[in-house]
Every structure is written in C-alpha cells, then in structure tokens.
Amino acid sequence: MSRSKYVSVGDTGGLILDSKYDDFVTNAQLESMLGSIENRLVALEQKLTDGSQKVQLSGTFVRLSTEPRPSGSEGDILLLYDTKQVFIHDGTDWREW
C-alpha cells in the first residue's frame, strides 16, 4: 500500500488512519485480532498433522460391475454404458428411469 494514502495528523495515539476508510483500529486491537487468527491457524495445523481432524466423505461412488443387475440400495442409480439405459433402485429392484 502506498504511503501517500495515509493522512498525517501528528500523534494518533496508536491509531492507523487511512482516508479511504471510516473505521479506525488501534495497534493493540489489530495485534489482538492477528494473535487470535494465528492461534486458530496453529490449532488447525496441529489437528491436521496429528490426525485428530476427521473428514466425512459423502457423494457418489462409482464402481464397475460385470453383473447385469448388481445389488443396490434404495436411491442407487445404475447406468448401463453399452445401452445408455439408466435404472434407479426402489429398495427392492432396479426400475428403468
């Protein structure tokens, strides 16, 4: 950031003044906010490196089957690539979609 954007008003008592903004923050407040962010980053880094951060995966699982109608659960979708047919499992059987 260019120094020419700052307004010189003498001793500001620790305030950072910028004519572009209406809000002011003291150096102590800024240091406190940055310290809080740094602490949270350190805690996250610790969780990621020690394995305590858990990730839950969700989404679509795609698998190749040689069975004409593999087993499935309600809501599963089956695509027969060679015929371009799409089936959905109703909990009991595959129904063409």
PDB file of N, CA and C in Angstrom:
ATOM      1  N   MET A   1       0.837  -1.169   0.000  1.00  0.00           N
ATOM      2  CA  MET A   1       0.000   0.000   0.000  1.00  0.00           C
ATOM      3  C   MET A   1       0.884   1.234   0.000  1.00  0.00           C
ATOM      4  N   SER A   2       0.544   2.194  -0.768  1.00  0.00           N
ATOM      5  CA  SER A   2       1.333   3.410  -0.899  1.00  0.00           C
ATOM      6  C   SER A   2       1.198   4.284   0.342  1.00  0.00           C
ATOM      7  N   ARG A   3       2.292   4.876   0.757  1.00  0.00           N
ATOM      8  CA  ARG A   3       2.294   5.759   1.917  1.00  0.00           C
ATOM      9  C   ARG A   3       1.469   7.020   1.659  1.00  0.00           C
ATOM     10  N   SER A   4       1.304   7.432   0.403  1.00  0.00           N
ATOM     11  CA  SER A   4       0.599   8.674   0.096  1.00  0.00           C
ATOM     12  C   SER A   4      -0.882   8.602   0.429  1.00  0.00           C
ATOM     13  N   LYS A   5      -1.416   7.389   0.673  1.00  0.00           N
ATOM     14  CA  LYS A   5      -2.832   7.256   1.012  1.00  0.00           C
ATOM     15  C   LYS A   5      -3.107   7.612   2.469  1.00  0.00           C
ATOM     16  N   TYR A   6      -2.066   7.669   3.306  1.00  0.00           N
ATOM     17  CA  TYR A   6      -2.260   7.940   4.717  1.00  0.00           C
ATOM     18  C   TYR A   6      -2.295   9.435   4.985  1.00  0.00           C
ATOM     19  N   VAL A   7      -3.122   9.805   5.937  1.00  0.00           N
ATOM     20  CA  VAL A   7      -3.266  11.209   6.325  1.00  0.00           C
ATOM     21  C   VAL A   7      -2.363  11.458   7.520  1.00  0.00           C
ATOM     22  N   SER A   8      -1.570  12.485   7.458  1.00  0.00           N
ATOM     23  CA  SER A   8      -0.690  12.810   8.572  1.00  0.00           C
ATOM     24  C   SER A   8      -1.393  13.803   9.490  1.00  0.00           C
ATOM     25  N   VAL A   9      -1.630  13.364  10.731  1.00  0.00           N
ATOM     26  CA  VAL A   9      -2.293  14.243  11.701  1.00  0.00           C
ATOM     27  C   VAL A   9      -1.486  14.354  12.983  1.00  0.00           C
ATOM     28  N   GLY A  10      -0.214  14.037  12.927  1.00  0.00           N
ATOM     29  CA  GLY A  10       0.614  14.098  14.120  1.00  0.00           C
ATOM     30  C   GLY A  10       0.485  12.818  14.918  1.00  0.00           C
ATOM     31  N   ASP A  11       0.545  12.932  16.265  1.00  0.00           N
ATOM     32  CA  ASP A  11       0.462  11.773  17.145  1.00  0.00           C
ATOM     33  C   ASP A  11      -0.982  11.255  17.154  1.00  0.00           C
ATOM     34  N   THR A  12      -1.193  10.031  16.685  1.00  0.00           N
ATOM     35  CA  THR A  12      -2.542   9.466  16.605  1.00  0.00           C
ATOM     36  C   THR A  12      -2.868   8.563  17.780  1.00  0.00           C
ATOM     37  N   GLY A  13      -1.955   8.421  18.708  1.00  0.00           N
ATOM     38  CA  GLY A  13      -2.227   7.572  19.867  1.00  0.00           C
ATOM     39  C   GLY A  13      -2.355   6.102  19.505  1.00  0.00           C
ATOM     40  N   GLY A  14      -1.664   5.669  18.481  1.00  0.00           N
ATOM     41  CA  GLY A  14      -1.711   4.265  18.101  1.00  0.00           C
ATOM     42  C   GLY A  14      -2.764   3.950  17.052  1.00  0.00           C
ATOM     43  N   LEU A  15      -3.483   4.949  16.552  1.00  0.00           N
ATOM     44  CA  LEU A  15      -4.491   4.697  15.529  1.00  0.00           C
ATOM     45  C   LEU A  15      -3.855   4.647  14.148  1.00  0.00           C
ATOM     46  N   ILE A  16      -4.336   3.754  13.343  1.00  0.00           N
ATOM     47  CA  ILE A  16      -3.915   3.697  11.951  1.00  0.00           C
ATOM     48  C   ILE A  16      -4.960   4.461  11.167  1.00  0.00           C
ATOM     49  N   LEU A  17      -4.569   5.537  10.519  1.00  0.00           N
ATOM     50  CA  LEU A  17      -5.516   6.377   9.806  1.00  0.00           C
ATOM     51  C   LEU A  17      -5.344   6.209   8.309  1.00  0.00           C
ATOM     52  N   ASP A  18      -6.438   6.044   7.632  1.00  0.00           N
ATOM     53  CA  ASP A  18      -6.429   5.938   6.182  1.00  0.00           C
ATOM     54  C   ASP A  18      -7.653   6.692   5.695  1.00  0.00           C
ATOM     55  N   SER A  19      -7.470   7.646   4.835  1.00  0.00           N
ATOM     56  CA  SER A  19      -8.583   8.467   4.377  1.00  0.00           C
ATOM     57  C   SER A  19      -9.619   7.646   3.607  1.00  0.00           C
ATOM     58  N   LYS A  20      -9.256   6.464   3.190  1.00  0.00           N
ATOM     59  CA  LYS A  20     -10.148   5.606   2.420  1.00  0.00           C
ATOM     60  C   LYS A  20     -11.218   4.946   3.288  1.00  0.00           C
ATOM     61  N   TYR A  21     -10.959   4.804   4.584  1.00  0.00           N
ATOM     62  CA  TYR A  21     -11.857   4.091   5.492  1.00  0.00           C
ATOM     63  C   TYR A  21     -12.398   5.021   6.575  1.00  0.00           C
ATOM     64  N   ASP A  22     -13.619   4.719   7.028  1.00  0.00           N
ATOM     65  CA  ASP A  22     -14.213   5.472   8.125  1.00  0.00           C
ATOM     66  C   ASP A  22     -13.894   4.847   9.474  1.00  0.00           C
ATOM     67  N   ASP A  23     -13.605   3.550   9.494  1.00  0.00           N
ATOM     68  CA  ASP A  23     -13.340   2.847  10.743  1.00  0.00           C
ATOM     69  C   ASP A  23     -11.851   2.890  11.072  1.00  0.00           C
ATOM     70  N   PHE A  24     -11.552   3.012  12.352  1.00  0.00           N
ATOM     71  CA  PHE A  24     -10.174   3.038  12.819  1.00  0.00           C
ATOM     72  C   PHE A  24      -9.967   1.881  13.782  1.00  0.00           C
ATOM     73  N   VAL A  25      -8.772   1.383  13.819  1.00  0.00           N
ATOM     74  CA  VAL A  25      -8.422   0.309  14.729  1.00  0.00           C
ATOM     75  C   VAL A  25      -7.096   0.666  15.389  1.00  0.00           C
ATOM     76  N   THR A  26      -6.988   0.368  16.686  1.00  0.00           N
ATOM     77  CA  THR A  26      -5.725   0.642  17.369  1.00  0.00           C
ATOM     78  C   THR A  26      -4.754  -0.491  17.065  1.00  0.00           C
ATOM     79  N   ASN A  27      -3.499  -0.201  17.242  1.00  0.00           N
ATOM     80  CA  ASN A  27      -2.481  -1.232  17.030  1.00  0.00           C
ATOM     81  C   ASN A  27      -2.716  -2.410  17.967  1.00  0.00           C
ATOM     82  N   ALA A  28      -3.130  -2.132  19.212  1.00  0.00           N
ATOM     83  CA  ALA A  28      -3.387  -3.201  20.183  1.00  0.00           C
ATOM     84  C   ALA A  28      -4.545  -4.085  19.716  1.00  0.00           C
ATOM     85  N   GLN A  29      -5.597  -3.461  19.169  1.00  0.00           N
ATOM     86  CA  GLN A  29      -6.731  -4.240  18.667  1.00  0.00           C
ATOM     87  C   GLN A  29      -6.306  -5.095  17.477  1.00  0.00           C
ATOM     88  N   LEU A  30      -5.509  -4.517  16.606  1.00  0.00           N
ATOM     89  CA  LEU A  30      -5.028  -5.239  15.436  1.00  0.00           C
ATOM     90  C   LEU A  30      -4.147  -6.410  15.857  1.00  0.00           C
ATOM     91  N   GLU A  31      -3.250  -6.178  16.810  1.00  0.00           N
ATOM     92  CA  GLU A  31      -2.394  -7.262  17.304  1.00  0.00           C
ATOM     93  C   GLU A  31      -3.229  -8.363  17.941  1.00  0.00           C
ATOM     94  N   SER A  32      -4.279  -7.997  18.670  1.00  0.00           N
ATOM     95  CA  SER A  32      -5.157  -8.980  19.301  1.00  0.00           C
ATOM     96  C   SER A  32      -5.876  -9.831  18.254  1.00  0.00           C
ATOM     97  N   MET A  33      -6.401  -9.171  17.210  1.00  0.00           N
ATOM     98  CA  MET A  33      -7.104  -9.901  16.148  1.00  0.00           C
ATOM     99  C   MET A  33      -6.149 -10.843  15.422  1.00  0.00           C
ATOM    100  N   LEU A  34      -4.963 -10.359  15.093  1.00  0.00           N
ATOM    101  CA  LEU A  34      -3.979 -11.187  14.393  1.00  0.00           C
ATOM    102  C   LEU A  34      -3.511 -12.346  15.270  1.00  0.00           C
ATOM    103  N   GLY A  35      -3.367 -12.078  16.570  1.00  0.00           N
ATOM    104  CA  GLY A  35      -2.975 -13.134  17.506  1.00  0.00           C
ATOM    105  C   GLY A  35      -4.025 -14.230  17.572  1.00  0.00           C
ATOM    106  N   SER A  36      -5.293 -13.830  17.565  1.00  0.00           N
ATOM    107  CA  SER A  36      -6.390 -14.798  17.590  1.00  0.00           C
ATOM    108  C   SER A  36      -6.390 -15.652  16.330  1.00  0.00           C
ATOM    109  N   ILE A  37      -6.184 -15.022  15.187  1.00  0.00           N
ATOM    110  CA  ILE A  37      -6.128 -15.763  13.921  1.00  0.00           C
ATOM    111  C   ILE A  37      -4.941 -16.719  13.925  1.00  0.00           C
ATOM    112  N   GLU A  38      -3.806 -16.239  14.401  1.00  0.00           N
ATOM    113  CA  GLU A  38      -2.618 -17.085  14.448  1.00  0.00           C
ATOM    114  C   GLU A  38      -2.847 -18.300  15.347  1.00  0.00           C
ATOM    115  N   ASN A  39      -3.494 -18.096  16.505  1.00  0.00           N
ATOM    116  CA  ASN A  39      -3.768 -19.205  17.418  1.00  0.00           C
ATOM    117  C   ASN A  39      -4.678 -20.245  16.770  1.00  0.00           C
ATOM    118  N   ARG A  40      -5.677 -19.780  16.035  1.00  0.00           N
ATOM    119  CA  ARG A  40      -6.594 -20.703  15.370  1.00  0.00           C
ATOM    120  C   ARG A  40      -5.881 -21.471  14.259  1.00  0.00           C
ATOM    121  N   LEU A  41      -4.982 -20.813  13.536  1.00  0.00           N
ATOM    122  CA  LEU A  41      -4.215 -21.497  12.492  1.00  0.00           C
ATOM    123  C   LEU A  41      -3.278 -22.545  13.083  1.00  0.00           C
ATOM    124  N   VAL A  42      -2.654 -22.217  14.200  1.00  0.00           N
ATOM    125  CA  VAL A  42      -1.762 -23.171  14.869  1.00  0.00           C
ATOM    126  C   VAL A  42      -2.562 -24.387  15.331  1.00  0.00           C
ATOM    127  N   ALA A  43      -3.763 -24.161  15.905  1.00  0.00           N
ATOM    128  CA  ALA A  43      -4.604 -25.270  16.357  1.00  0.00           C
ATOM    129  C   ALA A  43      -5.037 -26.139  15.187  1.00  0.00           C
ATOM    130  N   LEU A  44      -5.395 -25.521  14.072  1.00  0.00           N
ATOM    131  CA  LEU A  44      -5.798 -26.276  12.878  1.00  0.00           C
ATOM    132  C   LEU A  44      -4.622 -27.081  12.329  1.00  0.00           C
ATOM    133  N   GLU A  45      -3.447 -26.449  12.280  1.00  0.00           N
ATOM    134  CA  GLU A  45      -2.261 -27.152  11.803  1.00  0.00           C
ATOM    135  C   GLU A  45      -1.974 -28.373  12.670  1.00  0.00           C
ATOM    136  N   GLN A  46      -2.139 -28.223  13.981  1.00  0.00           N
ATOM    137  CA  GLN A  46      -1.903 -29.339  14.904  1.00  0.00           C
ATOM    138  C   GLN A  46      -2.866 -30.487  14.616  1.00  0.00           C
ATOM    139  N   LYS A  47      -4.147 -30.150  14.419  1.00  0.00           N
ATOM    140  CA  LYS A  47      -5.142 -31.191  14.139  1.00  0.00           C
ATOM    141  C   LYS A  47      -4.852 -31.901  12.819  1.00  0.00           C
ATOM    142  N   LEU A  48      -4.409 -31.147  11.832  1.00  0.00           N
ATOM    143  CA  LEU A  48      -4.137 -31.740  10.528  1.00  0.00           C
ATOM    144  C   LEU A  48      -2.898 -32.633  10.549  1.00  0.00           C
ATOM    145  N   THR A  49      -1.920 -32.270  11.351  1.00  0.00           N
ATOM    146  CA  THR A  49      -0.678 -33.055  11.371  1.00  0.00           C
ATOM    147  C   THR A  49      -0.743 -34.239  12.323  1.00  0.00           C
ATOM    148  N   ASP A  50      -1.553 -34.160  13.413  1.00  0.00           N
ATOM    149  CA  ASP A  50      -1.602 -35.292  14.345  1.00  0.00           C
ATOM    150  C   ASP A  50      -2.725 -36.277  14.027  1.00  0.00           C
ATOM    151  N   GLY A  51      -3.534 -35.964  13.009  1.00  0.00           N
ATOM    152  CA  GLY A  51      -4.585 -36.888  12.584  1.00  0.00           C
ATOM    153  C   GLY A  51      -5.877 -36.782  13.351  1.00  0.00           C
ATOM    154  N   SER A  52      -6.001 -35.812  14.254  1.00  0.00           N
ATOM    155  CA  SER A  52      -7.234 -35.705  15.040  1.00  0.00           C
ATOM    156  C   SER A  52      -8.368 -35.012  14.285  1.00  0.00           C
ATOM    157  N   GLN A  53      -8.051 -34.357  13.174  1.00  0.00           N
ATOM    158  CA  GLN A  53      -9.102 -33.728  12.353  1.00  0.00           C
ATOM    159  C   GLN A  53      -9.768 -34.814  11.527  1.00  0.00           C
ATOM    160  N   LYS A  54     -11.065 -34.980  11.710  1.00  0.00           N
ATOM    161  CA  LYS A  54     -11.800 -36.021  10.993  1.00  0.00           C
ATOM    162  C   LYS A  54     -12.512 -35.417   9.793  1.00  0.00           C
ATOM    163  N   VAL A  55     -12.569 -36.179   8.725  1.00  0.00           N
ATOM    164  CA  VAL A  55     -13.236 -35.754   7.499  1.00  0.00           C
ATOM    165  C   VAL A  55     -14.319 -36.761   7.178  1.00  0.00           C
ATOM    166  N   GLN A  56     -15.513 -36.270   6.890  1.00  0.00           N
ATOM    167  CA  GLN A  56     -16.598 -37.154   6.499  1.00  0.00           C
ATOM    168  C   GLN A  56     -16.804 -37.015   4.998  1.00  0.00           C
ATOM    169  N   LEU A  57     -16.694 -38.129   4.301  1.00  0.00           N
ATOM    170  CA  LEU A  57     -16.866 -38.125   2.862  1.00  0.00           C
ATOM    171  C   LEU A  57     -18.312 -38.418   2.513  1.00  0.00           C
ATOM    172  N   SER A  58     -18.814 -37.745   1.514  1.00  0.00           N
ATOM    173  CA  SER A  58     -20.145 -38.040   1.015  1.00  0.00           C
ATOM    174  C   SER A  58     -20.124 -37.817  -0.486  1.00  0.00           C
ATOM    175  N   GLY A  59     -21.135 -38.315  -1.146  1.00  0.00           N
ATOM    176  CA  GLY A  59     -21.195 -38.112  -2.578  1.00  0.00           C
ATOM    177  C   GLY A  59     -21.498 -39.395  -3.311  1.00  0.00           C
ATOM    178  N   THR A  60     -21.045 -39.469  -4.524  1.00  0.00           N
ATOM    179  CA  THR A  60     -21.351 -40.587  -5.398  1.00  0.00           C
ATOM    180  C   THR A  60     -20.178 -41.547  -5.475  1.00  0.00           C
ATOM    181  N   PHE A  61     -20.488 -42.816  -5.346  1.00  0.00           N
ATOM    182  CA  PHE A  61     -19.470 -43.840  -5.509  1.00  0.00           C
ATOM    183  C   PHE A  61     -19.732 -44.515  -6.848  1.00  0.00           C
ATOM    184  N   VAL A  62     -18.757 -44.520  -7.685  1.00  0.00           N
ATOM    185  CA  VAL A  62     -18.883 -45.138  -8.998  1.00  0.00           C
ATOM    186  C   VAL A  62     -18.082 -46.423  -8.967  1.00  0.00           C
ATOM    187  N   ARG A  63     -18.704 -47.501  -9.396  1.00  0.00           N
ATOM    188  CA  ARG A  63     -17.984 -48.770  -9.425  1.00  0.00           C
ATOM    189  C   ARG A  63     -18.372 -49.533 -10.684  1.00  0.00           C
ATOM    190  N   LEU A  64     -17.483 -50.341 -11.139  1.00  0.00           N
ATOM    191  CA  LEU A  64     -17.684 -51.146 -12.333  1.00  0.00           C
ATOM    192  C   LEU A  64     -18.163 -52.521 -11.901  1.00  0.00           C
ATOM    193  N   SER A  65     -19.196 -53.021 -12.564  1.00  0.00           N
ATOM    194  CA  SER A  65     -19.716 -54.341 -12.237  1.00  0.00           C
ATOM    195  C   SER A  65     -19.893 -55.140 -13.516  1.00  0.00           C
ATOM    196  N   THR A  66     -19.604 -56.428 -13.436  1.00  0.00           N
ATOM    197  CA  THR A  66     -19.842 -57.309 -14.577  1.00  0.00           C
ATOM    198  C   THR A  66     -21.201 -57.988 -14.463  1.00  0.00           C
ATOM    199  N   GLU A  67     -21.879 -57.812 -13.323  1.00  0.00           N
ATOM    200  CA  GLU A  67     -23.216 -58.381 -13.144  1.00  0.00           C
ATOM    201  C   GLU A  67     -24.222 -57.550 -13.936  1.00  0.00           C
ATOM    202  N   PRO A  68     -25.235 -58.203 -14.528  1.00  0.00           N
ATOM    203  CA  PRO A  68     -26.236 -57.440 -15.275  1.00  0.00           C
ATOM    204  C   PRO A  68     -27.040 -56.505 -14.366  1.00  0.00           C
ATOM    205  N   ARG A  69     -27.360 -56.968 -13.167  1.00  0.00           N
ATOM    206  CA  ARG A  69     -28.084 -56.145 -12.199  1.00  0.00           C
ATOM    207  C   ARG A  69     -27.434 -56.351 -10.831  1.00  0.00           C
ATOM    208  N   PRO A  70     -26.442 -55.550 -10.492  1.00  0.00           N
ATOM    209  CA  PRO A  70     -25.775 -55.733  -9.194  1.00  0.00           C
ATOM    210  C   PRO A  70     -26.715 -55.385  -8.046  1.00  0.00           C
ATOM    211  N   SER A  71     -26.365 -55.833  -6.856  1.00  0.00           N
ATOM    212  CA  SER A  71     -27.182 -55.480  -5.701  1.00  0.00           C
ATOM    213  C   SER A  71     -27.111 -53.970  -5.501  1.00  0.00           C
ATOM    214  N   GLY A  72     -28.155 -53.417  -4.908  1.00  0.00           N
ATOM    215  CA  GLY A  72     -28.183 -51.975  -4.689  1.00  0.00           C
ATOM    216  C   GLY A  72     -29.079 -51.613  -3.529  1.00  0.00           C
ATOM    217  N   SER A  73     -29.049 -50.363  -3.162  1.00  0.00           N
ATOM    218  CA  SER A  73     -29.893 -49.832  -2.098  1.00  0.00           C
ATOM    219  C   SER A  73     -30.840 -48.809  -2.692  1.00  0.00           C
ATOM    220  N   GLU A  74     -31.886 -48.495  -1.958  1.00  0.00           N
ATOM    221  CA  GLU A  74     -32.869 -47.519  -2.438  1.00  0.00           C
ATOM    222  C   GLU A  74     -32.181 -46.199  -2.796  1.00  0.00           C
ATOM    223  N   GLY A  75     -32.480 -45.714  -3.996  1.00  0.00           N
ATOM    224  CA  GLY A  75     -31.906 -44.457  -4.456  1.00  0.00           C
ATOM    225  C   GLY A  75     -30.646 -44.610  -5.279  1.00  0.00           C
ATOM    226  N   ASP A  76     -30.045 -45.808  -5.286  1.00  0.00           N
ATOM    227  CA  ASP A  76     -28.859 -46.023  -6.115  1.00  0.00           C
ATOM    228  C   ASP A  76     -29.221 -45.900  -7.587  1.00  0.00           C
ATOM    229  N   ILE A  77     -28.295 -45.439  -8.378  1.00  0.00           N
ATOM    230  CA  ILE A  77     -28.516 -45.285  -9.809  1.00  0.00           C
ATOM    231  C   ILE A  77     -27.554 -46.191 -10.560  1.00  0.00           C
ATOM    232  N   LEU A  78     -28.085 -46.882 -11.579  1.00  0.00           N
ATOM    233  CA  LEU A  78     -27.300 -47.803 -12.384  1.00  0.00           C
ATOM    234  C   LEU A  78     -27.332 -47.326 -13.833  1.00  0.00           C
ATOM    235  N   LEU A  79     -26.166 -47.163 -14.436  1.00  0.00           N
ATOM    236  CA  LEU A  79     -26.061 -46.789 -15.843  1.00  0.00           C
ATOM    237  C   LEU A  79     -25.467 -47.967 -16.602  1.00  0.00           C
ATOM    238  N   LEU A  80     -26.217 -48.448 -17.587  1.00  0.00           N
ATOM    239  CA  LEU A  80     -25.683 -49.475 -18.470  1.00  0.00           C
ATOM    240  C   LEU A  80     -25.035 -48.744 -19.629  1.00  0.00           C
ATOM    241  N   TYR A  81     -23.725 -48.731 -19.622  1.00  0.00           N
ATOM    242  CA  TYR A  81     -22.962 -47.909 -20.557  1.00  0.00           C
ATOM    243  C   TYR A  81     -23.209 -48.297 -22.009  1.00  0.00           C
ATOM    244  N   ASP A  82     -23.252 -49.581 -22.270  1.00  0.00           N
ATOM    245  CA  ASP A  82     -23.371 -50.015 -23.662  1.00  0.00           C
ATOM    246  C   ASP A  82     -24.736 -49.680 -24.272  1.00  0.00           C
ATOM    247  N   THR A  83     -25.820 -49.702 -23.460  1.00  0.00           N
ATOM    248  CA  THR A  83     -27.160 -49.399 -23.986  1.00  0.00           C
ATOM    249  C   THR A  83     -27.629 -47.993 -23.599  1.00  0.00           C
ATOM    250  N   LYS A  84     -26.858 -47.307 -22.776  1.00  0.00           N
ATOM    251  CA  LYS A  84     -27.187 -45.956 -22.286  1.00  0.00           C
ATOM    252  C   LYS A  84     -28.503 -45.938 -21.507  1.00  0.00           C
ATOM    253  N   GLN A  85     -28.883 -47.061 -20.908  1.00  0.00           N
ATOM    254  CA  GLN A  85     -30.079 -47.120 -20.081  1.00  0.00           C
ATOM    255  C   GLN A  85     -29.718 -46.732 -18.653  1.00  0.00           C
ATOM    256  N   VAL A  86     -30.668 -46.075 -17.985  1.00  0.00           N
ATOM    257  CA  VAL A  86     -30.467 -45.663 -16.595  1.00  0.00           C
ATOM    258  C   VAL A  86     -31.564 -46.301 -15.746  1.00  0.00           C
ATOM    259  N   PHE A  87     -31.156 -46.886 -14.632  1.00  0.00           N
ATOM    260  CA  PHE A  87     -32.077 -47.523 -13.707  1.00  0.00           C
ATOM    261  C   PHE A  87     -31.885 -46.908 -12.321  1.00  0.00           C
ATOM    262  N   ILE A  88     -32.973 -46.902 -11.544  1.00  0.00           N
ATOM    263  CA  ILE A  88     -32.892 -46.455 -10.156  1.00  0.00           C
ATOM    264  C   ILE A  88     -33.426 -47.578  -9.275  1.00  0.00           C
ATOM    265  N   HIS A  89     -32.783 -47.771  -8.132  1.00  0.00           N
ATOM    266  CA  HIS A  89     -33.183 -48.851  -7.225  1.00  0.00           C
ATOM    267  C   HIS A  89     -34.273 -48.331  -6.305  1.00  0.00           C
ATOM    268  N   ASP A  90     -35.392 -49.079  -6.235  1.00  0.00           N
ATOM    269  CA  ASP A  90     -36.517 -48.643  -5.398  1.00  0.00           C
ATOM    270  C   ASP A  90     -36.506 -49.275  -4.011  1.00  0.00           C
ATOM    271  N   GLY A  91     -35.424 -49.938  -3.678  1.00  0.00           N
ATOM    272  CA  GLY A  91     -35.322 -50.618  -2.388  1.00  0.00           C
ATOM    273  C   GLY A  91     -35.524 -52.114  -2.530  1.00  0.00           C
ATOM    274  N   THR A  92     -36.160 -52.513  -3.632  1.00  0.00           N
ATOM    275  CA  THR A  92     -36.404 -53.925  -3.889  1.00  0.00           C
ATOM    276  C   THR A  92     -35.775 -54.370  -5.194  1.00  0.00           C
ATOM    277  N   ASP A  93     -35.944 -53.560  -6.215  1.00  0.00           N
ATOM    278  CA  ASP A  93     -35.484 -53.942  -7.557  1.00  0.00           C
ATOM    279  C   ASP A  93     -35.065 -52.707  -8.330  1.00  0.00           C
ATOM    280  N   TRP A  94     -34.391 -52.910  -9.454  1.00  0.00           N
ATOM    281  CA  TRP A  94     -33.995 -51.816 -10.352  1.00  0.00           C
ATOM    282  C   TRP A  94     -35.168 -51.476 -11.273  1.00  0.00           C
ATOM    283  N   ARG A  95     -35.524 -50.218 -11.378  1.00  0.00           N
ATOM    284  CA  ARG A  95     -36.588 -49.757 -12.271  1.00  0.00           C
ATOM    285  C   ARG A  95     -35.973 -48.788 -13.283  1.00  0.00           C
ATOM    286  N   GLU A  96     -36.361 -48.935 -14.561  1.00  0.00           N
ATOM    287  CA  GLU A  96     -35.810 -48.036 -15.569  1.00  0.00           C
ATOM    288  C   GLU A  96     -36.285 -46.620 -15.287  1.00  0.00           C
ATOM    289  N   TRP A  97     -35.372 -45.696 -15.443  1.00  0.00           N
ATOM    290  CA  TRP A  97     -35.651 -44.296 -15.119  1.00  0.00           C
ATOM    291  C   TRP A  97     -35.966 -43.530 -16.349  1.00  0.00           C
TER     292      TRP A  97
END
